[in-house]
Amino acid sequence: MDEAIDVFCHCLTPRFCNRALEVCVTPPLMWTRALNMKVMVDLEARLSLMKGFPGYRQIPSLASPPIEMLGTPEETPELARIANDELAEMCQQRPDDFPSFVASLPLNNPEESMVEAERATRDLGAAGIQIFTPVLGRAVDQPEILQLFELMGILGKAVWLHPAGGMNRPDYQGEKVSRFESWWTLRWPYESSLAMYRLIFTGIFDRYPDLPIVTHHSGGMIPMMAGRLGSGLELLGTRTPPEEEEAIAPAIGEKPLEAMRRFYADTATFGSRSAIECGLEFFGPDRMLFASDMPFDPEEGPGYIRETLKAIGEMNISDEDRRKVLSGNAERIFRLKREGE
């Protein structure tokens, strides 16, 4: 197998879990579910699984729910520090398996989030930070969140965008909860797409054109929206009453469609070749990154790795582009050492 670097895969580290369980009175169901996955919490089990895929490496990040949901603004900074210290230790002890990691932040405490983002990237060697969107119901273009994107642009690090939200937000009026897990199936790709849309109108890519923002699930809905983002937005503003000033998009330095192509997208589509191909056509081979979303497959570990590698292997692309997607882009963007170096 060609070398593959999984840029969006999840784990939960032991000291972090122990402290979070002390802090969080009622852990969210998604977190309890994740805790029961062996490779999520057991490093040796994870390493054993990884050996089944020669050349496979990981840039791990914490699983959802986000840290800001697990405690108060006074408690979550400690949780983030513990988690990031543990992830850094994993990378230091097993650099051939974990060439870097994605830092977590206490986003219910903006000031401490800035401190921890800088510490984790500068001192611990994190490749960047993970932001769950929306942030406790708030948009990512709010000043207290946008400042983190600015910081990563200054430091030359990356931002990983992960969709968030649960069943407590109904799909329609008159209903108590989101039904049939549509919050996960349909709303998460929408939340990713909406965050991307809001971000481009902040002008973040005008100020930091090379800022890597990694979007989950092949860029959500965006690759399928090229028409709306292109000719459709040539009429941008004509659908909005002039008195609704807050809803009128500000001018940015390039067309919205081109700004959207500045994002990076992963291949975490649960093995869907057509979804990966759609993302590849939209973002291009230099902005697609291999990811599996492990261990959230029905087999709790190997399934999405295997199926995603299979889908990429079957795609009608050049060997050079395949290598870029599997590992080359990650090595370049995150300045990683090759295995054994």
C-alpha atoms as a PDB file:
ATOM      1  CA  MET A   1       0.000   0.000   0.000  1.00  0.00           C
ATOM      2  CA  ASP A   2       1.144   3.565  -0.681  1.00  0.00           C
ATOM      3  CA  GLU A   3       1.848   5.700   2.361  1.00  0.00           C
ATOM      4  CA  ALA A   4      -1.316   7.319   3.723  1.00  0.00           C
ATOM      5  CA  ILE A   5      -1.616  10.041   6.360  1.00  0.00           C
ATOM      6  CA  ASP A   6      -5.040  10.173   8.003  1.00  0.00           C
ATOM      7  CA  VAL A   7      -5.662  13.838   8.801  1.00  0.00           C
ATOM      8  CA  PHE A   8      -9.129  13.487  10.365  1.00  0.00           C
ATOM      9  CA  CYS A   9      -9.280  10.557  12.787  1.00  0.00           C
ATOM     10  CA  HIS A  10     -10.297  10.582  16.396  1.00  0.00           C
ATOM     11  CA  CYS A  11      -9.194   9.406  19.822  1.00  0.00           C
ATOM     12  CA  LEU A  12      -9.806  10.054  23.509  1.00  0.00           C
ATOM     13  CA  THR A  13      -6.783  10.103  25.791  1.00  0.00           C
ATOM     14  CA  PRO A  14      -6.856   8.556  29.299  1.00  0.00           C
ATOM     15  CA  ARG A  15      -5.956  11.455  31.613  1.00  0.00           C
ATOM     16  CA  PHE A  16      -8.276  13.752  29.678  1.00  0.00           C
ATOM     17  CA  CYS A  17     -11.133  11.245  29.944  1.00  0.00           C
ATOM     18  CA  ASN A  18     -10.615  10.718  33.658  1.00  0.00           C
ATOM     19  CA  ARG A  19     -10.618  14.436  34.391  1.00  0.00           C
ATOM     20  CA  ALA A  20     -13.551  15.145  32.068  1.00  0.00           C
ATOM     21  CA  LEU A  21     -15.627  12.471  33.796  1.00  0.00           C
ATOM     22  CA  GLU A  22     -14.924  14.220  37.106  1.00  0.00           C
ATOM     23  CA  VAL A  23     -15.944  17.596  35.696  1.00  0.00           C
ATOM     24  CA  CYS A  24     -18.907  16.658  33.505  1.00  0.00           C
ATOM     25  CA  VAL A  25     -21.883  15.639  35.634  1.00  0.00           C
ATOM     26  CA  THR A  26     -23.880  14.184  32.735  1.00  0.00           C
ATOM     27  CA  PRO A  27     -21.637  13.197  29.790  1.00  0.00           C
ATOM     28  CA  PRO A  28     -23.328  13.618  26.379  1.00  0.00           C
ATOM     29  CA  LEU A  29     -24.467  10.396  24.712  1.00  0.00           C
ATOM     30  CA  MET A  30     -22.044  10.849  21.808  1.00  0.00           C
ATOM     31  CA  TRP A  31     -19.149  10.975  24.260  1.00  0.00           C
ATOM     32  CA  THR A  32     -20.332   7.912  26.184  1.00  0.00           C
ATOM     33  CA  ARG A  33     -20.637   6.062  22.869  1.00  0.00           C
ATOM     34  CA  ALA A  34     -17.098   7.026  21.896  1.00  0.00           C
ATOM     35  CA  LEU A  35     -15.705   5.934  25.270  1.00  0.00           C
ATOM     36  CA  ASN A  36     -16.994   2.426  24.594  1.00  0.00           C
ATOM     37  CA  MET A  37     -14.949   2.071  21.376  1.00  0.00           C
ATOM     38  CA  LYS A  38     -11.766   0.172  22.236  1.00  0.00           C
ATOM     39  CA  VAL A  39      -9.450   1.761  19.670  1.00  0.00           C
ATOM     40  CA  MET A  40     -10.739   5.197  20.657  1.00  0.00           C
ATOM     41  CA  VAL A  41      -9.350   4.915  24.187  1.00  0.00           C
ATOM     42  CA  ASP A  42      -6.746   2.117  24.014  1.00  0.00           C
ATOM     43  CA  LEU A  43      -3.486   3.161  22.345  1.00  0.00           C
ATOM     44  CA  GLU A  44      -2.156  -0.384  21.984  1.00  0.00           C
ATOM     45  CA  ALA A  45      -5.373  -1.482  20.288  1.00  0.00           C
ATOM     46  CA  ARG A  46      -5.084   1.494  17.932  1.00  0.00           C
ATOM     47  CA  LEU A  47      -1.473   0.686  17.060  1.00  0.00           C
ATOM     48  CA  SER A  48      -2.365  -2.954  16.442  1.00  0.00           C
ATOM     49  CA  LEU A  49      -5.133  -1.884  14.058  1.00  0.00           C
ATOM     50  CA  MET A  50      -2.807   0.513  12.248  1.00  0.00           C
ATOM     51  CA  LYS A  51      -0.287  -2.265  11.602  1.00  0.00           C
ATOM     52  CA  GLY A  52      -2.907  -3.897   9.397  1.00  0.00           C
ATOM     53  CA  PHE A  53      -2.454  -1.014   6.941  1.00  0.00           C
ATOM     54  CA  PRO A  54       1.268  -0.762   6.072  1.00  0.00           C
ATOM     55  CA  GLY A  55       2.374   2.828   5.516  1.00  0.00           C
ATOM     56  CA  TYR A  56      -0.669   4.204   7.333  1.00  0.00           C
ATOM     57  CA  ARG A  57      -0.109   7.091   9.796  1.00  0.00           C
ATOM     58  CA  GLN A  58      -2.402   9.405  11.724  1.00  0.00           C
ATOM     59  CA  ILE A  59      -2.741  13.032  12.772  1.00  0.00           C
ATOM     60  CA  PRO A  60      -5.182  12.434  15.650  1.00  0.00           C
ATOM     61  CA  SER A  61      -7.739  14.825  17.102  1.00  0.00           C
ATOM     62  CA  LEU A  62     -10.195  14.494  19.963  1.00  0.00           C
ATOM     63  CA  ALA A  63     -13.607  13.044  19.206  1.00  0.00           C
ATOM     64  CA  SER A  64     -16.772  15.071  19.650  1.00  0.00           C
ATOM     65  CA  PRO A  65     -18.468  16.478  21.613  1.00  0.00           C
ATOM     66  CA  PRO A  66     -16.207  19.518  21.890  1.00  0.00           C
ATOM     67  CA  ILE A  67     -14.437  20.369  25.123  1.00  0.00           C
ATOM     68  CA  GLU A  68     -16.589  23.479  25.591  1.00  0.00           C
ATOM     69  CA  MET A  69     -19.572  21.174  26.186  1.00  0.00           C
ATOM     70  CA  LEU A  70     -17.863  19.245  28.976  1.00  0.00           C
ATOM     71  CA  GLY A  71     -17.401  21.922  31.621  1.00  0.00           C
ATOM     72  CA  THR A  72     -17.606  25.544  32.676  1.00  0.00           C
ATOM     73  CA  PRO A  73     -15.333  28.264  31.242  1.00  0.00           C
ATOM     74  CA  GLU A  74     -13.229  27.867  34.382  1.00  0.00           C
ATOM     75  CA  GLU A  75     -12.910  24.083  33.989  1.00  0.00           C
ATOM     76  CA  THR A  76     -12.375  23.565  30.267  1.00  0.00           C
ATOM     77  CA  PRO A  77      -8.928  25.193  29.905  1.00  0.00           C
ATOM     78  CA  GLU A  78      -7.480  22.469  32.123  1.00  0.00           C
ATOM     79  CA  LEU A  79      -9.193  19.786  30.031  1.00  0.00           C
ATOM     80  CA  ALA A  80      -7.683  21.209  26.852  1.00  0.00           C
ATOM     81  CA  ARG A  81      -4.195  21.356  28.354  1.00  0.00           C
ATOM     82  CA  ILE A  82      -4.385  17.760  29.549  1.00  0.00           C
ATOM     83  CA  ALA A  83      -5.610  16.495  26.174  1.00  0.00           C
ATOM     84  CA  ASN A  84      -3.021  18.415  24.180  1.00  0.00           C
ATOM     85  CA  ASP A  85      -0.189  17.309  26.462  1.00  0.00           C
ATOM     86  CA  GLU A  86      -1.240  13.680  26.006  1.00  0.00           C
ATOM     87  CA  LEU A  87      -1.525  13.967  22.227  1.00  0.00           C
ATOM     88  CA  ALA A  88       1.903  15.599  22.099  1.00  0.00           C
ATOM     89  CA  GLU A  89       3.324  12.716  24.155  1.00  0.00           C
ATOM     90  CA  MET A  90       1.839  10.219  21.678  1.00  0.00           C
ATOM     91  CA  CYS A  91       3.578  11.998  18.823  1.00  0.00           C
ATOM     92  CA  GLN A  92       6.896  12.239  20.657  1.00  0.00           C
ATOM     93  CA  GLN A  93       6.871   8.567  21.600  1.00  0.00           C
ATOM     94  CA  ARG A  94       5.597   7.217  18.238  1.00  0.00           C
ATOM     95  CA  PRO A  95       6.618   9.777  15.568  1.00  0.00           C
ATOM     96  CA  ASP A  96       6.428   7.235  12.746  1.00  0.00           C
ATOM     97  CA  ASP A  97       2.801   6.490  13.634  1.00  0.00           C
ATOM     98  CA  PHE A  98       1.703   9.982  14.701  1.00  0.00           C
ATOM     99  CA  PRO A  99       3.724  12.683  12.891  1.00  0.00           C
ATOM    100  CA  SER A 100       1.615  15.445  14.472  1.00  0.00           C
ATOM    101  CA  PHE A 101      -1.718  16.118  16.163  1.00  0.00           C
ATOM    102  CA  VAL A 102      -4.609  18.582  16.149  1.00  0.00           C
ATOM    103  CA  ALA A 103      -5.000  20.644  19.307  1.00  0.00           C
ATOM    104  CA  SER A 104      -8.284  21.064  21.159  1.00  0.00           C
ATOM    105  CA  LEU A 105      -9.429  24.334  22.703  1.00  0.00           C
ATOM    106  CA  PRO A 106     -11.830  25.479  25.463  1.00  0.00           C
ATOM    107  CA  LEU A 107     -13.979  27.586  23.160  1.00  0.00           C
ATOM    108  CA  ASN A 108     -16.338  28.667  25.943  1.00  0.00           C
ATOM    109  CA  ASN A 109     -13.338  30.658  27.220  1.00  0.00           C
ATOM    110  CA  PRO A 110     -12.039  32.806  24.315  1.00  0.00           C
ATOM    111  CA  GLU A 111      -9.077  34.269  26.189  1.00  0.00           C
ATOM    112  CA  GLU A 112      -7.787  30.884  27.328  1.00  0.00           C
ATOM    113  CA  SER A 113      -8.431  29.460  23.850  1.00  0.00           C
ATOM    114  CA  MET A 114      -5.958  31.944  22.396  1.00  0.00           C
ATOM    115  CA  VAL A 115      -3.390  31.064  25.059  1.00  0.00           C
ATOM    116  CA  GLU A 116      -3.784  27.319  24.531  1.00  0.00           C
ATOM    117  CA  ALA A 117      -3.790  27.583  20.731  1.00  0.00           C
ATOM    118  CA  GLU A 118      -0.423  29.314  20.836  1.00  0.00           C
ATOM    119  CA  ARG A 119       1.016  26.955  23.452  1.00  0.00           C
ATOM    120  CA  ALA A 120      -0.117  23.816  21.630  1.00  0.00           C
ATOM    121  CA  THR A 121       1.194  24.878  18.234  1.00  0.00           C
ATOM    122  CA  ARG A 122       4.402  26.641  19.300  1.00  0.00           C
ATOM    123  CA  ASP A 123       5.487  24.569  22.293  1.00  0.00           C
ATOM    124  CA  LEU A 124       3.910  21.157  21.684  1.00  0.00           C
ATOM    125  CA  GLY A 125       4.213  20.979  17.899  1.00  0.00           C
ATOM    126  CA  ALA A 126       0.529  20.669  16.995  1.00  0.00           C
ATOM    127  CA  ALA A 127      -0.185  21.025  13.282  1.00  0.00           C
ATOM    128  CA  GLY A 128      -3.109  23.277  14.112  1.00  0.00           C
ATOM    129  CA  ILE A 129      -6.362  23.529  16.050  1.00  0.00           C
ATOM    130  CA  GLN A 130      -9.793  21.932  15.808  1.00  0.00           C
ATOM    131  CA  ILE A 131     -12.904  24.110  15.891  1.00  0.00           C
ATOM    132  CA  PHE A 132     -16.352  22.555  16.148  1.00  0.00           C
ATOM    133  CA  THR A 133     -18.993  24.555  14.312  1.00  0.00           C
ATOM    134  CA  PRO A 134     -21.286  26.053  15.384  1.00  0.00           C
ATOM    135  CA  VAL A 135     -19.523  27.006  18.612  1.00  0.00           C
ATOM    136  CA  LEU A 136     -22.176  26.483  21.274  1.00  0.00           C
ATOM    137  CA  GLY A 137     -24.720  27.710  18.742  1.00  0.00           C
ATOM    138  CA  ARG A 138     -22.655  30.705  17.617  1.00  0.00           C
ATOM    139  CA  ALA A 139     -21.150  31.360  14.188  1.00  0.00           C
ATOM    140  CA  VAL A 140     -17.448  30.914  13.493  1.00  0.00           C
ATOM    141  CA  ASP A 141     -17.207  34.480  12.165  1.00  0.00           C
ATOM    142  CA  GLN A 142     -17.800  35.944  15.633  1.00  0.00           C
ATOM    143  CA  PRO A 143     -14.751  37.983  16.742  1.00  0.00           C
ATOM    144  CA  GLU A 144     -13.873  35.677  19.637  1.00  0.00           C
ATOM    145  CA  ILE A 145     -13.654  32.707  17.243  1.00  0.00           C
ATOM    146  CA  LEU A 146     -12.292  34.501  14.187  1.00  0.00           C
ATOM    147  CA  GLN A 147      -9.279  35.626  16.208  1.00  0.00           C
ATOM    148  CA  LEU A 148      -8.172  31.983  16.331  1.00  0.00           C
ATOM    149  CA  PHE A 149      -8.140  31.783  12.531  1.00  0.00           C
ATOM    150  CA  GLU A 150      -6.111  34.983  12.477  1.00  0.00           C
ATOM    151  CA  LEU A 151      -3.642  33.519  14.982  1.00  0.00           C
ATOM    152  CA  MET A 152      -3.164  30.378  12.901  1.00  0.00           C
ATOM    153  CA  GLY A 153      -2.584  32.573   9.849  1.00  0.00           C
ATOM    154  CA  ILE A 154       0.126  34.458  11.721  1.00  0.00           C
ATOM    155  CA  LEU A 155       1.748  31.273  13.057  1.00  0.00           C
ATOM    156  CA  GLY A 156       1.534  29.397   9.756  1.00  0.00           C
ATOM    157  CA  LYS A 157      -0.592  26.626  11.263  1.00  0.00           C
ATOM    158  CA  ALA A 158      -3.901  25.057  10.202  1.00  0.00           C
ATOM    159  CA  VAL A 159      -7.521  24.997  11.337  1.00  0.00           C
ATOM    160  CA  TRP A 160      -9.602  21.826  11.255  1.00  0.00           C
ATOM    161  CA  LEU A 161     -13.357  22.487  10.949  1.00  0.00           C
ATOM    162  CA  HIS A 162     -15.616  19.812  12.429  1.00  0.00           C
ATOM    163  CA  PRO A 163     -19.428  20.053  12.323  1.00  0.00           C
ATOM    164  CA  ALA A 164     -21.318  19.882  15.607  1.00  0.00           C
ATOM    165  CA  GLY A 165     -24.833  19.732  16.965  1.00  0.00           C
ATOM    166  CA  GLY A 166     -27.243  17.125  18.240  1.00  0.00           C
ATOM    167  CA  MET A 167     -30.825  15.990  18.312  1.00  0.00           C
ATOM    168  CA  ASN A 168     -31.891  18.666  20.817  1.00  0.00           C
ATOM    169  CA  ARG A 169     -32.404  21.122  17.940  1.00  0.00           C
ATOM    170  CA  PRO A 170     -35.610  20.081  16.106  1.00  0.00           C
ATOM    171  CA  ASP A 171     -35.778  20.063  12.326  1.00  0.00           C
ATOM    172  CA  TYR A 172     -39.250  21.628  12.193  1.00  0.00           C
ATOM    173  CA  GLN A 173     -41.568  23.692  14.358  1.00  0.00           C
ATOM    174  CA  GLY A 174     -43.839  21.614  16.549  1.00  0.00           C
ATOM    175  CA  GLU A 175     -41.286  18.850  17.059  1.00  0.00           C
ATOM    176  CA  LYS A 176     -39.244  18.289  20.209  1.00  0.00           C
ATOM    177  CA  VAL A 177     -36.097  16.766  18.708  1.00  0.00           C
ATOM    178  CA  SER A 178     -34.385  16.148  15.391  1.00  0.00           C
ATOM    179  CA  ARG A 179     -35.769  12.865  14.102  1.00  0.00           C
ATOM    180  CA  PHE A 180     -34.099   9.825  12.557  1.00  0.00           C
ATOM    181  CA  GLU A 181     -30.603  11.191  13.290  1.00  0.00           C
ATOM    182  CA  SER A 182     -30.991  13.736  10.504  1.00  0.00           C
ATOM    183  CA  TRP A 183     -28.946  16.126  12.671  1.00  0.00           C
ATOM    184  CA  TRP A 184     -25.957  13.884  11.935  1.00  0.00           C
ATOM    185  CA  THR A 185     -26.765  12.703   8.412  1.00  0.00           C
ATOM    186  CA  LEU A 186     -27.873  15.996   6.889  1.00  0.00           C
ATOM    187  CA  ARG A 187     -27.260  18.898   9.256  1.00  0.00           C
ATOM    188  CA  TRP A 188     -23.593  18.238   9.856  1.00  0.00           C
ATOM    189  CA  PRO A 189     -22.642  18.649   6.172  1.00  0.00           C
ATOM    190  CA  TYR A 190     -24.805  21.785   6.141  1.00  0.00           C
ATOM    191  CA  GLU A 191     -23.090  23.178   9.254  1.00  0.00           C
ATOM    192  CA  SER A 192     -19.675  22.680   7.642  1.00  0.00           C
ATOM    193  CA  SER A 193     -20.854  24.391   4.479  1.00  0.00           C
ATOM    194  CA  LEU A 194     -22.434  27.309   6.320  1.00  0.00           C
ATOM    195  CA  ALA A 195     -19.244  27.859   8.329  1.00  0.00           C
ATOM    196  CA  MET A 196     -17.201  27.915   5.126  1.00  0.00           C
ATOM    197  CA  TYR A 197     -19.639  30.381   3.552  1.00  0.00           C
ATOM    198  CA  ARG A 198     -19.558  32.715   6.539  1.00  0.00           C
ATOM    199  CA  LEU A 199     -15.768  32.539   6.726  1.00  0.00           C
ATOM    200  CA  ILE A 200     -15.113  33.657   3.154  1.00  0.00           C
ATOM    201  CA  PHE A 201     -17.070  36.873   3.751  1.00  0.00           C
ATOM    202  CA  THR A 202     -14.814  37.762   6.686  1.00  0.00           C
ATOM    203  CA  GLY A 203     -12.024  38.270   4.150  1.00  0.00           C
ATOM    204  CA  ILE A 204      -9.857  35.751   5.995  1.00  0.00           C
ATOM    205  CA  PHE A 205      -8.358  34.529   2.716  1.00  0.00           C
ATOM    206  CA  ASP A 206      -7.643  38.105   1.624  1.00  0.00           C
ATOM    207  CA  ARG A 207      -5.517  38.533   4.742  1.00  0.00           C
ATOM    208  CA  TYR A 208      -4.111  34.990   4.876  1.00  0.00           C
ATOM    209  CA  PRO A 209      -4.407  33.453   1.399  1.00  0.00           C
ATOM    210  CA  ASP A 210      -2.288  30.457   2.398  1.00  0.00           C
ATOM    211  CA  LEU A 211      -4.109  29.650   5.653  1.00  0.00           C
ATOM    212  CA  PRO A 212      -4.977  25.920   5.566  1.00  0.00           C
ATOM    213  CA  ILE A 213      -8.557  25.365   6.717  1.00  0.00           C
ATOM    214  CA  VAL A 214      -9.337  21.646   6.539  1.00  0.00           C
ATOM    215  CA  THR A 215     -13.016  20.853   6.042  1.00  0.00           C
ATOM    216  CA  HIS A 216     -14.514  17.522   7.016  1.00  0.00           C
ATOM    217  CA  HIS A 217     -16.542  15.106   4.880  1.00  0.00           C
ATOM    218  CA  SER A 218     -15.162  16.300   1.534  1.00  0.00           C
ATOM    219  CA  GLY A 219     -16.181  19.896   2.126  1.00  0.00           C
ATOM    220  CA  GLY A 220     -19.768  19.160   3.106  1.00  0.00           C
ATOM    221  CA  MET A 221     -22.270  20.354   0.493  1.00  0.00           C
ATOM    222  CA  ILE A 222     -19.967  22.891  -1.129  1.00  0.00           C
ATOM    223  CA  PRO A 223     -18.587  20.796  -4.041  1.00  0.00           C
ATOM    224  CA  MET A 224     -22.150  20.209  -5.261  1.00  0.00           C
ATOM    225  CA  MET A 225     -22.955  23.930  -5.071  1.00  0.00           C
ATOM    226  CA  ALA A 226     -20.510  25.234  -7.684  1.00  0.00           C
ATOM    227  CA  GLY A 227     -23.343  26.609  -9.808  1.00  0.00           C
ATOM    228  CA  ARG A 228     -24.989  28.491  -6.969  1.00  0.00           C
ATOM    229  CA  LEU A 229     -21.625  29.772  -5.753  1.00  0.00           C
ATOM    230  CA  GLY A 230     -20.636  30.798  -9.271  1.00  0.00           C
ATOM    231  CA  SER A 231     -23.222  32.321 -11.579  1.00  0.00           C
ATOM    232  CA  GLY A 232     -25.817  32.233  -8.812  1.00  0.00           C
ATOM    233  CA  LEU A 233     -23.794  34.639  -6.682  1.00  0.00           C
ATOM    234  CA  GLU A 234     -23.292  37.068  -9.544  1.00  0.00           C
ATOM    235  CA  LEU A 235     -26.650  38.319  -8.263  1.00  0.00           C
ATOM    236  CA  LEU A 236     -25.408  38.448  -4.669  1.00  0.00           C
ATOM    237  CA  GLY A 237     -27.308  41.128  -2.757  1.00  0.00           C
ATOM    238  CA  THR A 238     -30.260  41.409  -5.129  1.00  0.00           C
ATOM    239  CA  ARG A 239     -32.282  38.974  -2.999  1.00  0.00           C
ATOM    240  CA  THR A 240     -31.777  41.017   0.177  1.00  0.00           C
ATOM    241  CA  PRO A 241     -33.806  44.133   1.082  1.00  0.00           C
ATOM    242  CA  PRO A 242     -31.448  47.139   1.324  1.00  0.00           C
ATOM    243  CA  GLU A 243     -32.637  47.960   4.836  1.00  0.00           C
ATOM    244  CA  GLU A 244     -31.309  44.580   6.084  1.00  0.00           C
ATOM    245  CA  GLU A 245     -27.745  45.841   6.286  1.00  0.00           C
ATOM    246  CA  GLU A 246     -26.538  43.012   8.525  1.00  0.00           C
ATOM    247  CA  ALA A 247     -27.553  40.442   5.896  1.00  0.00           C
ATOM    248  CA  ILE A 248     -25.733  42.105   2.988  1.00  0.00           C
ATOM    249  CA  ALA A 249     -22.458  40.369   2.151  1.00  0.00           C
ATOM    250  CA  PRO A 250     -19.359  42.574   2.387  1.00  0.00           C
ATOM    251  CA  ALA A 251     -17.022  42.865  -0.574  1.00  0.00           C
ATOM    252  CA  ILE A 252     -14.079  40.465  -0.649  1.00  0.00           C
ATOM    253  CA  GLY A 253     -11.006  40.355  -2.853  1.00  0.00           C
ATOM    254  CA  GLU A 254     -12.172  37.571  -5.161  1.00  0.00           C
ATOM    255  CA  LYS A 255     -15.362  35.918  -6.317  1.00  0.00           C
ATOM    256  CA  PRO A 256     -17.016  33.727  -3.663  1.00  0.00           C
ATOM    257  CA  LEU A 257     -16.559  30.614  -5.802  1.00  0.00           C
ATOM    258  CA  GLU A 258     -12.804  31.153  -6.001  1.00  0.00           C
ATOM    259  CA  ALA A 259     -12.600  31.915  -2.285  1.00  0.00           C
ATOM    260  CA  MET A 260     -14.346  28.616  -1.580  1.00  0.00           C
ATOM    261  CA  ARG A 261     -11.697  26.751  -3.545  1.00  0.00           C
ATOM    262  CA  ARG A 262      -9.075  27.951  -1.046  1.00  0.00           C
ATOM    263  CA  PHE A 263     -10.353  25.527   1.572  1.00  0.00           C
ATOM    264  CA  TYR A 264      -8.902  22.052   1.898  1.00  0.00           C
ATOM    265  CA  ALA A 265     -11.214  19.048   2.025  1.00  0.00           C
ATOM    266  CA  ASP A 266     -10.731  15.556   3.364  1.00  0.00           C
ATOM    267  CA  THR A 267     -11.822  12.189   1.970  1.00  0.00           C
ATOM    268  CA  ALA A 268     -13.852  11.159   5.041  1.00  0.00           C
ATOM    269  CA  THR A 269     -16.945  10.144   3.100  1.00  0.00           C
ATOM    270  CA  PHE A 270     -17.283   6.668   4.618  1.00  0.00           C
ATOM    271  CA  GLY A 271     -15.929   5.084   1.460  1.00  0.00           C
ATOM    272  CA  SER A 272     -18.067   6.966  -1.080  1.00  0.00           C
ATOM    273  CA  ARG A 273     -15.970   7.209  -4.225  1.00  0.00           C
ATOM    274  CA  SER A 274     -18.397   9.581  -5.956  1.00  0.00           C
ATOM    275  CA  ALA A 275     -18.292  12.021  -3.034  1.00  0.00           C
ATOM    276  CA  ILE A 276     -14.486  12.038  -3.056  1.00  0.00           C
ATOM    277  CA  GLU A 277     -14.444  12.548  -6.823  1.00  0.00           C
ATOM    278  CA  CYS A 278     -16.866  15.457  -6.468  1.00  0.00           C
ATOM    279  CA  GLY A 279     -14.589  17.045  -3.881  1.00  0.00           C
ATOM    280  CA  LEU A 280     -11.523  16.418  -6.010  1.00  0.00           C
ATOM    281  CA  GLU A 281     -13.127  18.098  -9.022  1.00  0.00           C
ATOM    282  CA  PHE A 282     -14.085  21.152  -6.964  1.00  0.00           C
ATOM    283  CA  PHE A 283     -11.012  21.677  -4.771  1.00  0.00           C
ATOM    284  CA  GLY A 284      -8.391  20.096  -7.046  1.00  0.00           C
ATOM    285  CA  PRO A 285      -5.774  17.416  -6.287  1.00  0.00           C
ATOM    286  CA  ASP A 286      -3.543  19.835  -4.354  1.00  0.00           C
ATOM    287  CA  ARG A 287      -6.262  20.521  -1.751  1.00  0.00           C
ATOM    288  CA  MET A 288      -7.635  17.063  -1.007  1.00  0.00           C
ATOM    289  CA  LEU A 289      -6.359  15.208   2.058  1.00  0.00           C
ATOM    290  CA  PHE A 290      -6.795  11.562   2.972  1.00  0.00           C
ATOM    291  CA  ALA A 291      -8.960  11.002   6.054  1.00  0.00           C
ATOM    292  CA  SER A 292     -11.109   8.150   7.294  1.00  0.00           C
ATOM    293  CA  ASP A 293     -13.021   9.490  10.346  1.00  0.00           C
ATOM    294  CA  MET A 294     -11.992   6.334  12.180  1.00  0.00           C
ATOM    295  CA  PRO A 295     -13.093   4.669  14.427  1.00  0.00           C
ATOM    296  CA  PHE A 296     -16.739   5.595  13.794  1.00  0.00           C
ATOM    297  CA  ASP A 297     -17.443   2.795  11.308  1.00  0.00           C
ATOM    298  CA  PRO A 298     -19.641  -0.212  12.185  1.00  0.00           C
ATOM    299  CA  GLU A 299     -16.455  -2.244  12.767  1.00  0.00           C
ATOM    300  CA  GLU A 300     -15.174   0.451  15.172  1.00  0.00           C
ATOM    301  CA  GLY A 301     -11.851   1.019  13.484  1.00  0.00           C
ATOM    302  CA  PRO A 302     -10.751  -0.599  10.241  1.00  0.00           C
ATOM    303  CA  GLY A 303     -13.850  -0.231   8.073  1.00  0.00           C
ATOM    304  CA  TYR A 304     -13.649   3.373   6.941  1.00  0.00           C
ATOM    305  CA  ILE A 305      -9.868   3.192   6.540  1.00  0.00           C
ATOM    306  CA  ARG A 306     -10.183   0.185   4.256  1.00  0.00           C
ATOM    307  CA  GLU A 307     -13.131   1.497   2.249  1.00  0.00           C
ATOM    308  CA  THR A 308     -11.661   4.974   1.792  1.00  0.00           C
ATOM    309  CA  LEU A 309      -8.324   3.578   0.618  1.00  0.00           C
ATOM    310  CA  LYS A 310     -10.221   1.312  -1.779  1.00  0.00           C
ATOM    311  CA  ALA A 311     -12.240   4.220  -3.184  1.00  0.00           C
ATOM    312  CA  ILE A 312      -9.128   6.339  -3.754  1.00  0.00           C
ATOM    313  CA  GLY A 313      -7.319   3.390  -5.305  1.00  0.00           C
ATOM    314  CA  GLU A 314     -10.142   2.907  -7.821  1.00  0.00           C
ATOM    315  CA  MET A 315     -10.382   6.552  -8.867  1.00  0.00           C
ATOM    316  CA  ASN A 316      -9.367   7.443 -12.410  1.00  0.00           C
ATOM    317  CA  ILE A 317      -6.574   9.845 -11.465  1.00  0.00           C
ATOM    318  CA  SER A 318      -2.834   9.910 -12.044  1.00  0.00           C
ATOM    319  CA  ASP A 319      -0.467   8.155  -9.654  1.00  0.00           C
ATOM    320  CA  GLU A 320       0.992  11.564  -8.812  1.00  0.00           C
ATOM    321  CA  ASP A 321      -2.399  12.973  -7.817  1.00  0.00           C
ATOM    322  CA  ARG A 322      -3.209   9.834  -5.844  1.00  0.00           C
ATOM    323  CA  ARG A 323       0.012  10.219  -3.863  1.00  0.00           C
ATOM    324  CA  LYS A 324      -0.811  13.887  -3.214  1.00  0.00           C
ATOM    325  CA  VAL A 325      -4.192  12.968  -1.768  1.00  0.00           C
ATOM    326  CA  LEU A 326      -2.899  10.056   0.300  1.00  0.00           C
ATOM    327  CA  SER A 327       0.122  11.725   1.861  1.00  0.00           C
ATOM    328  CA  GLY A 328       1.909  14.342  -0.232  1.00  0.00           C
ATOM    329  CA  ASN A 329      -0.450  17.220   0.473  1.00  0.00           C
ATOM    330  CA  ALA A 330      -0.381  16.557   4.215  1.00  0.00           C
ATOM    331  CA  GLU A 331       3.420  16.411   4.235  1.00  0.00           C
ATOM    332  CA  ARG A 332       3.587  19.713   2.366  1.00  0.00           C
ATOM    333  CA  ILE A 333       0.876  21.643   4.189  1.00  0.00           C
ATOM    334  CA  PHE A 334       1.764  20.550   7.719  1.00  0.00           C
ATOM    335  CA  ARG A 335       5.520  20.317   7.032  1.00  0.00           C
ATOM    336  CA  LEU A 336       5.742  16.702   8.180  1.00  0.00           C
ATOM    337  CA  LYS A 337       8.705  14.403   8.092  1.00  0.00           C
ATOM    338  CA  ARG A 338       8.364  11.273   6.002  1.00  0.00           C
ATOM    339  CA  GLU A 339       8.204   7.961   7.850  1.00  0.00           C
ATOM    340  CA  GLY A 340      11.637   6.945   9.135  1.00  0.00           C
ATOM    341  CA  GLU A 341      13.189  10.417   8.787  1.00  0.00           C
END
